[in-house]
Amino acid sequence: MLNVHPNIEEPREQRCNLFHMKCKVRTKTCLVIIDGGCTNIVSEQLVAKLGLKPLKHPHPYKLQWLGDTGELEVKAQCRVPLKLGEWKDKVLCDIILMTACHVLLGRS
């Protein structure tokens, strides 16, 4: 969803279905948005603050962000250890500069 331009003809309520929640990444509580899109993303700030290990992205690409900054280049990714209640897993996320949340989950 992040790299697709919205169709002006679509009803606005179809483009605003977001789910907000909090989770644990290591010992920190983080804001998560689930948008049903096609990409899992983590903020550069969270990666740096928690000392997560960035990996070179195997297929760098540009992401059309839905804000004022235009395209963002995705050059790195990392495994983010998430905990939601009793569920724990490491989710592979692309790393970008974003302020909307700490983690944006778009695919299972």
PDB file of N, CA and C in Angstrom:
ATOM      1  N   MET A   1       0.817  -1.194   0.000  1.00  0.00           N
ATOM      2  CA  MET A   1       0.000   0.000   0.000  1.00  0.00           C
ATOM      3  C   MET A   1       0.861   1.257   0.000  1.00  0.00           C
ATOM      4  N   LEU A   2       2.059   1.172   0.565  1.00  0.00           N
ATOM      5  CA  LEU A   2       2.880   2.364   0.687  1.00  0.00           C
ATOM      6  C   LEU A   2       3.491   2.808  -0.630  1.00  0.00           C
ATOM      7  N   ASN A   3       3.607   1.902  -1.580  1.00  0.00           N
ATOM      8  CA  ASN A   3       4.217   2.297  -2.840  1.00  0.00           C
ATOM      9  C   ASN A   3       3.201   2.426  -3.968  1.00  0.00           C
ATOM     10  N   VAL A   4       1.916   2.547  -3.620  1.00  0.00           N
ATOM     11  CA  VAL A   4       0.855   2.699  -4.604  1.00  0.00           C
ATOM     12  C   VAL A   4       0.186   4.052  -4.401  1.00  0.00           C
ATOM     13  N   HIS A   5      -0.051   4.756  -5.472  1.00  0.00           N
ATOM     14  CA  HIS A   5      -0.768   6.025  -5.379  1.00  0.00           C
ATOM     15  C   HIS A   5      -2.256   5.731  -5.252  1.00  0.00           C
ATOM     16  N   PRO A   6      -2.944   6.347  -4.285  1.00  0.00           N
ATOM     17  CA  PRO A   6      -4.368   6.066  -4.112  1.00  0.00           C
ATOM     18  C   PRO A   6      -5.194   6.555  -5.288  1.00  0.00           C
ATOM     19  N   ASN A   7      -6.235   5.804  -5.581  1.00  0.00           N
ATOM     20  CA  ASN A   7      -7.167   6.172  -6.637  1.00  0.00           C
ATOM     21  C   ASN A   7      -8.114   7.230  -6.083  1.00  0.00           C
ATOM     22  N   ILE A   8      -8.223   8.362  -6.745  1.00  0.00           N
ATOM     23  CA  ILE A   8      -9.074   9.462  -6.288  1.00  0.00           C
ATOM     24  C   ILE A   8     -10.538   9.027  -6.216  1.00  0.00           C
ATOM     25  N   GLU A   9     -10.929   8.067  -7.049  1.00  0.00           N
ATOM     26  CA  GLU A   9     -12.307   7.608  -7.101  1.00  0.00           C
ATOM     27  C   GLU A   9     -12.686   6.734  -5.899  1.00  0.00           C
ATOM     28  N   GLU A  10     -11.703   6.160  -5.210  1.00  0.00           N
ATOM     29  CA  GLU A  10     -11.993   5.274  -4.077  1.00  0.00           C
ATOM     30  C   GLU A  10     -12.638   6.042  -2.931  1.00  0.00           C
ATOM     31  N   PRO A  11     -13.560   5.391  -2.223  1.00  0.00           N
ATOM     32  CA  PRO A  11     -14.104   6.042  -1.017  1.00  0.00           C
ATOM     33  C   PRO A  11     -12.994   6.247   0.008  1.00  0.00           C
ATOM     34  N   ARG A  12     -12.983   7.400   0.681  1.00  0.00           N
ATOM     35  CA  ARG A  12     -11.921   7.723   1.624  1.00  0.00           C
ATOM     36  C   ARG A  12     -11.850   6.728   2.775  1.00  0.00           C
ATOM     37  N   GLU A  13     -12.986   6.186   3.236  1.00  0.00           N
ATOM     38  CA  GLU A  13     -12.952   5.270   4.369  1.00  0.00           C
ATOM     39  C   GLU A  13     -12.209   3.976   4.036  1.00  0.00           C
ATOM     40  N   GLN A  14     -12.088   3.633   2.760  1.00  0.00           N
ATOM     41  CA  GLN A  14     -11.360   2.443   2.355  1.00  0.00           C
ATOM     42  C   GLN A  14      -9.855   2.615   2.554  1.00  0.00           C
ATOM     43  N   ARG A  15      -9.367   3.858   2.608  1.00  0.00           N
ATOM     44  CA  ARG A  15      -7.937   4.109   2.720  1.00  0.00           C
ATOM     45  C   ARG A  15      -7.500   4.395   4.145  1.00  0.00           C
ATOM     46  N   CYS A  16      -8.391   4.327   5.124  1.00  0.00           N
ATOM     47  CA  CYS A  16      -8.062   4.736   6.490  1.00  0.00           C
ATOM     48  C   CYS A  16      -8.208   3.616   7.510  1.00  0.00           C
ATOM     49  N   ASN A  17      -8.207   2.368   7.087  1.00  0.00           N
ATOM     50  CA  ASN A  17      -8.364   1.267   8.019  1.00  0.00           C
ATOM     51  C   ASN A  17      -7.007   0.879   8.589  1.00  0.00           C
ATOM     52  N   LEU A  18      -6.673   1.459   9.741  1.00  0.00           N
ATOM     53  CA  LEU A  18      -5.411   1.187  10.412  1.00  0.00           C
ATOM     54  C   LEU A  18      -5.700   0.635  11.803  1.00  0.00           C
ATOM     55  N   PHE A  19      -4.809  -0.183  12.290  1.00  0.00           N
ATOM     56  CA  PHE A  19      -4.942  -0.742  13.617  1.00  0.00           C
ATOM     57  C   PHE A  19      -3.712  -0.306  14.415  1.00  0.00           C
ATOM     58  N   HIS A  20      -3.917   0.408  15.501  1.00  0.00           N
ATOM     59  CA  HIS A  20      -2.825   0.895  16.347  1.00  0.00           C
ATOM     60  C   HIS A  20      -2.736   0.020  17.590  1.00  0.00           C
ATOM     61  N   MET A  21      -1.524  -0.276  18.022  1.00  0.00           N
ATOM     62  CA  MET A  21      -1.337  -1.023  19.265  1.00  0.00           C
ATOM     63  C   MET A  21       0.082  -0.791  19.767  1.00  0.00           C
ATOM     64  N   LYS A  22       0.379  -1.356  20.917  1.00  0.00           N
ATOM     65  CA  LYS A  22       1.724  -1.281  21.472  1.00  0.00           C
ATOM     66  C   LYS A  22       2.264  -2.688  21.609  1.00  0.00           C
ATOM     67  N   CYS A  23       3.585  -2.810  21.508  1.00  0.00           N
ATOM     68  CA  CYS A  23       4.245  -4.096  21.683  1.00  0.00           C
ATOM     69  C   CYS A  23       5.574  -3.862  22.388  1.00  0.00           C
ATOM     70  N   LYS A  24       6.234  -4.929  22.737  1.00  0.00           N
ATOM     71  CA  LYS A  24       7.569  -4.843  23.327  1.00  0.00           C
ATOM     72  C   LYS A  24       8.602  -5.204  22.276  1.00  0.00           C
ATOM     73  N   VAL A  25       9.637  -4.388  22.179  1.00  0.00           N
ATOM     74  CA  VAL A  25      10.820  -4.705  21.395  1.00  0.00           C
ATOM     75  C   VAL A  25      11.957  -4.673  22.397  1.00  0.00           C
ATOM     76  N   ARG A  26      12.477  -5.865  22.677  1.00  0.00           N
ATOM     77  CA  ARG A  26      13.393  -6.058  23.800  1.00  0.00           C
ATOM     78  C   ARG A  26      12.703  -5.585  25.071  1.00  0.00           C
ATOM     79  N   THR A  27      13.186  -4.531  25.713  1.00  0.00           N
ATOM     80  CA  THR A  27      12.554  -4.081  26.960  1.00  0.00           C
ATOM     81  C   THR A  27      11.722  -2.823  26.782  1.00  0.00           C
ATOM     82  N   LYS A  28      11.635  -2.306  25.579  1.00  0.00           N
ATOM     83  CA  LYS A  28      10.945  -1.039  25.324  1.00  0.00           C
ATOM     84  C   LYS A  28       9.550  -1.257  24.751  1.00  0.00           C
ATOM     85  N   THR A  29       8.599  -0.447  25.207  1.00  0.00           N
ATOM     86  CA  THR A  29       7.258  -0.446  24.639  1.00  0.00           C
ATOM     87  C   THR A  29       7.266   0.448  23.411  1.00  0.00           C
ATOM     88  N   CYS A  30       6.755  -0.073  22.296  1.00  0.00           N
ATOM     89  CA  CYS A  30       6.809   0.644  21.026  1.00  0.00           C
ATOM     90  C   CYS A  30       5.423   0.728  20.402  1.00  0.00           C
ATOM     91  N   LEU A  31       5.202   1.800  19.639  1.00  0.00           N
ATOM     92  CA  LEU A  31       3.948   1.988  18.926  1.00  0.00           C
ATOM     93  C   LEU A  31       4.016   1.231  17.603  1.00  0.00           C
ATOM     94  N   VAL A  32       2.975   0.441  17.340  1.00  0.00           N
ATOM     95  CA  VAL A  32       2.889  -0.360  16.122  1.00  0.00           C
ATOM     96  C   VAL A  32       1.619   0.037  15.371  1.00  0.00           C
ATOM     97  N   ILE A  33       1.728   0.131  14.063  1.00  0.00           N
ATOM     98  CA  ILE A  33       0.561   0.315  13.207  1.00  0.00           C
ATOM     99  C   ILE A  33       0.511  -0.892  12.268  1.00  0.00           C
ATOM    100  N   ILE A  34      -0.662  -1.502  12.171  1.00  0.00           N
ATOM    101  CA  ILE A  34      -0.878  -2.570  11.194  1.00  0.00           C
ATOM    102  C   ILE A  34      -1.775  -1.979  10.126  1.00  0.00           C
ATOM    103  N   ASP A  35      -1.292  -1.997   8.875  1.00  0.00           N
ATOM    104  CA  ASP A  35      -2.054  -1.353   7.803  1.00  0.00           C
ATOM    105  C   ASP A  35      -2.513  -2.294   6.712  1.00  0.00           C
ATOM    106  N   GLY A  36      -2.133  -3.557   6.760  1.00  0.00           N
ATOM    107  CA  GLY A  36      -2.576  -4.490   5.732  1.00  0.00           C
ATOM    108  C   GLY A  36      -1.894  -4.285   4.393  1.00  0.00           C
ATOM    109  N   GLY A  37      -0.834  -3.513   4.368  1.00  0.00           N
ATOM    110  CA  GLY A  37      -0.102  -3.261   3.126  1.00  0.00           C
ATOM    111  C   GLY A  37       0.836  -4.401   2.790  1.00  0.00           C
ATOM    112  N   CYS A  38       1.885  -4.099   2.072  1.00  0.00           N
ATOM    113  CA  CYS A  38       2.761  -5.161   1.566  1.00  0.00           C
ATOM    114  C   CYS A  38       4.161  -5.129   2.167  1.00  0.00           C
ATOM    115  N   THR A  39       4.441  -4.252   3.116  1.00  0.00           N
ATOM    116  CA  THR A  39       5.798  -4.112   3.630  1.00  0.00           C
ATOM    117  C   THR A  39       5.810  -3.976   5.141  1.00  0.00           C
ATOM    118  N   ASN A  40       6.754  -4.655   5.793  1.00  0.00           N
ATOM    119  CA  ASN A  40       7.004  -4.458   7.218  1.00  0.00           C
ATOM    120  C   ASN A  40       8.145  -3.460   7.346  1.00  0.00           C
ATOM    121  N   ILE A  41       7.961  -2.447   8.191  1.00  0.00           N
ATOM    122  CA  ILE A  41       8.932  -1.364   8.293  1.00  0.00           C
ATOM    123  C   ILE A  41       9.236  -1.083   9.751  1.00  0.00           C
ATOM    124  N   VAL A  42      10.484  -0.739  10.037  1.00  0.00           N
ATOM    125  CA  VAL A  42      10.901  -0.292  11.361  1.00  0.00           C
ATOM    126  C   VAL A  42      11.606   1.057  11.189  1.00  0.00           C
ATOM    127  N   SER A  43      11.450   1.926  12.177  1.00  0.00           N
ATOM    128  CA  SER A  43      12.072   3.247  12.079  1.00  0.00           C
ATOM    129  C   SER A  43      13.574   3.164  12.342  1.00  0.00           C
ATOM    130  N   GLU A  44      14.316   4.000  11.627  1.00  0.00           N
ATOM    131  CA  GLU A  44      15.771   4.095  11.843  1.00  0.00           C
ATOM    132  C   GLU A  44      16.074   4.419  13.300  1.00  0.00           C
ATOM    133  N   GLN A  45      15.245   5.257  13.889  1.00  0.00           N
ATOM    134  CA  GLN A  45      15.438   5.692  15.266  1.00  0.00           C
ATOM    135  C   GLN A  45      15.378   4.515  16.238  1.00  0.00           C
ATOM    136  N   LEU A  46      14.408   3.615  16.055  1.00  0.00           N
ATOM    137  CA  LEU A  46      14.280   2.451  16.931  1.00  0.00           C
ATOM    138  C   LEU A  46      15.466   1.517  16.765  1.00  0.00           C
ATOM    139  N   VAL A  47      15.892   1.310  15.526  1.00  0.00           N
ATOM    140  CA  VAL A  47      17.039   0.438  15.251  1.00  0.00           C
ATOM    141  C   VAL A  47      18.280   0.969  15.973  1.00  0.00           C
ATOM    142  N   ALA A  48      18.520   2.274  15.871  1.00  0.00           N
ATOM    143  CA  ALA A  48      19.688   2.880  16.515  1.00  0.00           C
ATOM    144  C   ALA A  48      19.579   2.846  18.037  1.00  0.00           C
ATOM    145  N   LYS A  49      18.405   3.219  18.562  1.00  0.00           N
ATOM    146  CA  LYS A  49      18.227   3.314  20.006  1.00  0.00           C
ATOM    147  C   LYS A  49      18.375   1.966  20.703  1.00  0.00           C
ATOM    148  N   LEU A  50      17.883   0.896  20.072  1.00  0.00           N
ATOM    149  CA  LEU A  50      17.949  -0.426  20.684  1.00  0.00           C
ATOM    150  C   LEU A  50      19.152  -1.241  20.226  1.00  0.00           C
ATOM    151  N   GLY A  51      19.948  -0.680  19.340  1.00  0.00           N
ATOM    152  CA  GLY A  51      21.144  -1.380  18.881  1.00  0.00           C
ATOM    153  C   GLY A  51      20.830  -2.627  18.071  1.00  0.00           C
ATOM    154  N   LEU A  52      19.731  -2.589  17.310  1.00  0.00           N
ATOM    155  CA  LEU A  52      19.397  -3.719  16.444  1.00  0.00           C
ATOM    156  C   LEU A  52      20.400  -3.762  15.293  1.00  0.00           C
ATOM    157  N   LYS A  53      20.673  -4.950  14.798  1.00  0.00           N
ATOM    158  CA  LYS A  53      21.709  -5.113  13.776  1.00  0.00           C
ATOM    159  C   LYS A  53      21.114  -4.939  12.368  1.00  0.00           C
ATOM    160  N   PRO A  54      21.455  -3.820  11.689  1.00  0.00           N
ATOM    161  CA  PRO A  54      20.971  -3.643  10.310  1.00  0.00           C
ATOM    162  C   PRO A  54      21.712  -4.569   9.352  1.00  0.00           C
ATOM    163  N   LEU A  55      20.995  -5.050   8.352  1.00  0.00           N
ATOM    164  CA  LEU A  55      21.560  -5.893   7.304  1.00  0.00           C
ATOM    165  C   LEU A  55      21.372  -5.175   5.973  1.00  0.00           C
ATOM    166  N   LYS A  56      22.294  -5.375   5.063  1.00  0.00           N
ATOM    167  CA  LYS A  56      22.154  -4.786   3.735  1.00  0.00           C
ATOM    168  C   LYS A  56      20.943  -5.421   3.058  1.00  0.00           C
ATOM    169  N   HIS A  57      20.077  -4.582   2.487  1.00  0.00           N
ATOM    170  CA  HIS A  57      18.878  -5.097   1.824  1.00  0.00           C
ATOM    171  C   HIS A  57      19.291  -5.822   0.546  1.00  0.00           C
ATOM    172  N   PRO A  58      18.789  -7.050   0.322  1.00  0.00           N
ATOM    173  CA  PRO A  58      19.197  -7.789  -0.876  1.00  0.00           C
ATOM    174  C   PRO A  58      18.685  -7.170  -2.175  1.00  0.00           C
ATOM    175  N   HIS A  59      17.573  -6.413  -2.103  1.00  0.00           N
ATOM    176  CA  HIS A  59      16.997  -5.775  -3.282  1.00  0.00           C
ATOM    177  C   HIS A  59      16.558  -4.353  -2.915  1.00  0.00           C
ATOM    178  N   PRO A  60      17.502  -3.405  -2.813  1.00  0.00           N
ATOM    179  CA  PRO A  60      17.130  -2.025  -2.461  1.00  0.00           C
ATOM    180  C   PRO A  60      16.067  -1.480  -3.418  1.00  0.00           C
ATOM    181  N   TYR A  61      15.199  -0.638  -2.880  1.00  0.00           N
ATOM    182  CA  TYR A  61      14.115  -0.072  -3.681  1.00  0.00           C
ATOM    183  C   TYR A  61      13.701   1.262  -3.096  1.00  0.00           C
ATOM    184  N   LYS A  62      12.861   1.974  -3.835  1.00  0.00           N
ATOM    185  CA  LYS A  62      12.335   3.255  -3.351  1.00  0.00           C
ATOM    186  C   LYS A  62      10.891   3.039  -2.919  1.00  0.00           C
ATOM    187  N   LEU A  63      10.553   3.654  -1.817  1.00  0.00           N
ATOM    188  CA  LEU A  63       9.229   3.517  -1.236  1.00  0.00           C
ATOM    189  C   LEU A  63       8.529   4.861  -1.318  1.00  0.00           C
ATOM    190  N   GLN A  64       7.351   4.870  -1.888  1.00  0.00           N
ATOM    191  CA  GLN A  64       6.567   6.102  -1.964  1.00  0.00           C
ATOM    192  C   GLN A  64       5.855   6.271  -0.632  1.00  0.00           C
ATOM    193  N   TRP A  65       6.310   7.220   0.160  1.00  0.00           N
ATOM    194  CA  TRP A  65       5.724   7.464   1.476  1.00  0.00           C
ATOM    195  C   TRP A  65       4.521   8.372   1.327  1.00  0.00           C
ATOM    196  N   LEU A  66       3.533   8.202   2.171  1.00  0.00           N
ATOM    197  CA  LEU A  66       2.306   8.978   2.065  1.00  0.00           C
ATOM    198  C   LEU A  66       2.396  10.269   2.852  1.00  0.00           C
ATOM    199  N   GLY A  67       3.534  10.910   2.822  1.00  0.00           N
ATOM    200  CA  GLY A  67       3.728  12.162   3.540  1.00  0.00           C
ATOM    201  C   GLY A  67       4.349  13.205   2.637  1.00  0.00           C
ATOM    202  N   ASP A  68       5.003  14.171   3.249  1.00  0.00           N
ATOM    203  CA  ASP A  68       5.584  15.277   2.508  1.00  0.00           C
ATOM    204  C   ASP A  68       6.971  14.979   1.946  1.00  0.00           C
ATOM    205  N   THR A  69       7.592  13.890   2.381  1.00  0.00           N
ATOM    206  CA  THR A  69       8.986  13.654   2.011  1.00  0.00           C
ATOM    207  C   THR A  69       9.169  12.997   0.652  1.00  0.00           C
ATOM    208  N   GLY A  70       8.115  12.515   0.009  1.00  0.00           N
ATOM    209  CA  GLY A  70       8.247  11.869  -1.287  1.00  0.00           C
ATOM    210  C   GLY A  70       8.827  10.480  -1.153  1.00  0.00           C
ATOM    211  N   GLU A  71       9.693  10.099  -2.079  1.00  0.00           N
ATOM    212  CA  GLU A  71      10.252   8.755  -2.082  1.00  0.00           C
ATOM    213  C   GLU A  71      11.364   8.606  -1.043  1.00  0.00           C
ATOM    214  N   LEU A  72      11.377   7.427  -0.407  1.00  0.00           N
ATOM    215  CA  LEU A  72      12.448   7.075   0.512  1.00  0.00           C
ATOM    216  C   LEU A  72      13.167   5.852  -0.031  1.00  0.00           C
ATOM    217  N   GLU A  73      14.477   5.866   0.053  1.00  0.00           N
ATOM    218  CA  GLU A  73      15.249   4.740  -0.434  1.00  0.00           C
ATOM    219  C   GLU A  73      15.425   3.722   0.683  1.00  0.00           C
ATOM    220  N   VAL A  74      15.037   2.480   0.410  1.00  0.00           N
ATOM    221  CA  VAL A  74      15.192   1.386   1.368  1.00  0.00           C
ATOM    222  C   VAL A  74      16.478   0.655   1.006  1.00  0.00           C
ATOM    223  N   LYS A  75      17.483   0.750   1.893  1.00  0.00           N
ATOM    224  CA  LYS A  75      18.777   0.135   1.636  1.00  0.00           C
ATOM    225  C   LYS A  75      19.145  -0.919   2.668  1.00  0.00           C
ATOM    226  N   ALA A  76      18.380  -0.990   3.777  1.00  0.00           N
ATOM    227  CA  ALA A  76      18.729  -1.913   4.855  1.00  0.00           C
ATOM    228  C   ALA A  76      17.469  -2.524   5.456  1.00  0.00           C
ATOM    229  N   GLN A  77      17.661  -3.610   6.164  1.00  0.00           N
ATOM    230  CA  GLN A  77      16.584  -4.281   6.877  1.00  0.00           C
ATOM    231  C   GLN A  77      17.158  -4.893   8.147  1.00  0.00           C
ATOM    232  N   CYS A  78      16.287  -5.303   9.059  1.00  0.00           N
ATOM    233  CA  CYS A  78      16.751  -5.979  10.258  1.00  0.00           C
ATOM    234  C   CYS A  78      15.637  -6.845  10.828  1.00  0.00           C
ATOM    235  N   ARG A  79      16.031  -7.778  11.663  1.00  0.00           N
ATOM    236  CA  ARG A  79      15.066  -8.631  12.360  1.00  0.00           C
ATOM    237  C   ARG A  79      14.704  -7.933  13.667  1.00  0.00           C
ATOM    238  N   VAL A  80      13.411  -7.695  13.851  1.00  0.00           N
ATOM    239  CA  VAL A  80      12.919  -6.983  15.031  1.00  0.00           C
ATOM    240  C   VAL A  80      12.248  -7.997  15.957  1.00  0.00           C
ATOM    241  N   PRO A  81      12.765  -8.165  17.186  1.00  0.00           N
ATOM    242  CA  PRO A  81      12.140  -9.104  18.127  1.00  0.00           C
ATOM    243  C   PRO A  81      10.901  -8.471  18.765  1.00  0.00           C
ATOM    244  N   LEU A  82       9.714  -8.927  18.346  1.00  0.00           N
ATOM    245  CA  LEU A  82       8.453  -8.373  18.839  1.00  0.00           C
ATOM    246  C   LEU A  82       7.814  -9.307  19.855  1.00  0.00           C
ATOM    247  N   LYS A  83       7.141  -8.709  20.832  1.00  0.00           N
ATOM    248  CA  LYS A  83       6.369  -9.486  21.800  1.00  0.00           C
ATOM    249  C   LYS A  83       5.007  -8.814  21.951  1.00  0.00           C
ATOM    250  N   LEU A  84       3.951  -9.576  21.671  1.00  0.00           N
ATOM    251  CA  LEU A  84       2.569  -9.124  21.823  1.00  0.00           C
ATOM    252  C   LEU A  84       1.882 -10.114  22.755  1.00  0.00           C
ATOM    253  N   GLY A  85       1.693  -9.742  24.004  1.00  0.00           N
ATOM    254  CA  GLY A  85       1.138 -10.686  24.974  1.00  0.00           C
ATOM    255  C   GLY A  85       2.081 -11.862  25.125  1.00  0.00           C
ATOM    256  N   GLU A  86       1.590 -13.064  24.889  1.00  0.00           N
ATOM    257  CA  GLU A  86       2.424 -14.269  24.983  1.00  0.00           C
ATOM    258  C   GLU A  86       3.156 -14.587  23.679  1.00  0.00           C
ATOM    259  N   TRP A  87       2.739 -13.959  22.579  1.00  0.00           N
ATOM    260  CA  TRP A  87       3.340 -14.224  21.273  1.00  0.00           C
ATOM    261  C   TRP A  87       4.672 -13.511  21.142  1.00  0.00           C
ATOM    262  N   LYS A  88       5.700 -14.236  20.706  1.00  0.00           N
ATOM    263  CA  LYS A  88       7.027 -13.668  20.457  1.00  0.00           C
ATOM    264  C   LYS A  88       7.523 -14.161  19.113  1.00  0.00           C
ATOM    265  N   ASP A  89       8.177 -13.285  18.370  1.00  0.00           N
ATOM    266  CA  ASP A  89       8.763 -13.674  17.096  1.00  0.00           C
ATOM    267  C   ASP A  89       9.746 -12.595  16.665  1.00  0.00           C
ATOM    268  N   LYS A  90      10.548 -12.899  15.666  1.00  0.00           N
ATOM    269  CA  LYS A  90      11.424 -11.910  15.047  1.00  0.00           C
ATOM    270  C   LYS A  90      10.865 -11.645  13.660  1.00  0.00           C
ATOM    271  N   VAL A  91      10.576 -10.377  13.376  1.00  0.00           N
ATOM    272  CA  VAL A  91       9.957  -9.986  12.113  1.00  0.00           C
ATOM    273  C   VAL A  91      10.987  -9.241  11.275  1.00  0.00           C
ATOM    274  N   LEU A  92      11.177  -9.676  10.039  1.00  0.00           N
ATOM    275  CA  LEU A  92      12.095  -9.003   9.129  1.00  0.00           C
ATOM    276  C   LEU A  92      11.432  -7.728   8.621  1.00  0.00           C
ATOM    277  N   CYS A  93      12.059  -6.593   8.893  1.00  0.00           N
ATOM    278  CA  CYS A  93      11.497  -5.286   8.531  1.00  0.00           C
ATOM    279  C   CYS A  93      12.506  -4.477   7.731  1.00  0.00           C
ATOM    280  N   ASP A  94      12.005  -3.708   6.772  1.00  0.00           N
ATOM    281  CA  ASP A  94      12.835  -2.732   6.066  1.00  0.00           C
ATOM    282  C   ASP A  94      13.011  -1.526   6.980  1.00  0.00           C
ATOM    283  N   ILE A  95      14.164  -0.883   6.911  1.00  0.00           N
ATOM    284  CA  ILE A  95      14.481   0.256   7.778  1.00  0.00           C
ATOM    285  C   ILE A  95      14.348   1.558   6.980  1.00  0.00           C
ATOM    286  N   ILE A  96      13.539   2.490   7.509  1.00  0.00           N
ATOM    287  CA  ILE A  96      13.428   3.818   6.900  1.00  0.00           C
ATOM    288  C   ILE A  96      13.282   4.866   7.998  1.00  0.00           C
ATOM    289  N   LEU A  97      13.444   6.102   7.618  1.00  0.00           N
ATOM    290  CA  LEU A  97      13.197   7.222   8.512  1.00  0.00           C
ATOM    291  C   LEU A  97      11.699   7.478   8.525  1.00  0.00           C
ATOM    292  N   MET A  98      11.063   7.320   9.692  1.00  0.00           N
ATOM    293  CA  MET A  98       9.627   7.607   9.799  1.00  0.00           C
ATOM    294  C   MET A  98       9.311   8.065  11.211  1.00  0.00           C
ATOM    295  N   THR A  99       8.261   8.860  11.325  1.00  0.00           N
ATOM    296  CA  THR A  99       7.858   9.391  12.621  1.00  0.00           C
ATOM    297  C   THR A  99       6.462   8.954  13.029  1.00  0.00           C
ATOM    298  N   ALA A 100       5.726   8.304  12.134  1.00  0.00           N
ATOM    299  CA  ALA A 100       4.348   7.905  12.426  1.00  0.00           C
ATOM    300  C   ALA A 100       4.269   6.873  13.541  1.00  0.00           C
ATOM    301  N   CYS A 101       5.248   5.980  13.609  1.00  0.00           N
ATOM    302  CA  CYS A 101       5.278   4.930  14.620  1.00  0.00           C
ATOM    303  C   CYS A 101       6.681   4.339  14.652  1.00  0.00           C
ATOM    304  N   HIS A 102       6.880   3.369  15.544  1.00  0.00           N
ATOM    305  CA  HIS A 102       8.173   2.683  15.606  1.00  0.00           C
ATOM    306  C   HIS A 102       8.228   1.508  14.619  1.00  0.00           C
ATOM    307  N   VAL A 103       7.100   0.783  14.516  1.00  0.00           N
ATOM    308  CA  VAL A 103       7.030  -0.381  13.627  1.00  0.00           C
ATOM    309  C   VAL A 103       5.724  -0.297  12.843  1.00  0.00           C
ATOM    310  N   LEU A 104       5.800  -0.537  11.540  1.00  0.00           N
ATOM    311  CA  LEU A 104       4.633  -0.584  10.674  1.00  0.00           C
ATOM    312  C   LEU A 104       4.578  -1.978  10.076  1.00  0.00           C
ATOM    313  N   LEU A 105       3.536  -2.733  10.420  1.00  0.00           N
ATOM    314  CA  LEU A 105       3.393  -4.096   9.912  1.00  0.00           C
ATOM    315  C   LEU A 105       2.356  -4.107   8.802  1.00  0.00           C
ATOM    316  N   GLY A 106       2.755  -4.664   7.667  1.00  0.00           N
ATOM    317  CA  GLY A 106       1.846  -4.691   6.538  1.00  0.00           C
ATOM    318  C   GLY A 106       1.623  -6.077   5.974  1.00  0.00           C
ATOM    319  N   ARG A 107       2.480  -7.020   6.307  1.00  0.00           N
ATOM    320  CA  ARG A 107       2.291  -8.378   5.790  1.00  0.00           C
ATOM    321  C   ARG A 107       2.556  -9.371   6.904  1.00  0.00           C
ATOM    322  N   SER A 108       1.966 -10.534   6.762  1.00  0.00           N
ATOM    323  CA  SER A 108       2.141 -11.566   7.805  1.00  0.00           C
ATOM    324  C   SER A 108       3.448 -12.280   7.639  1.00  0.00           C
TER     325      SER A 108
END
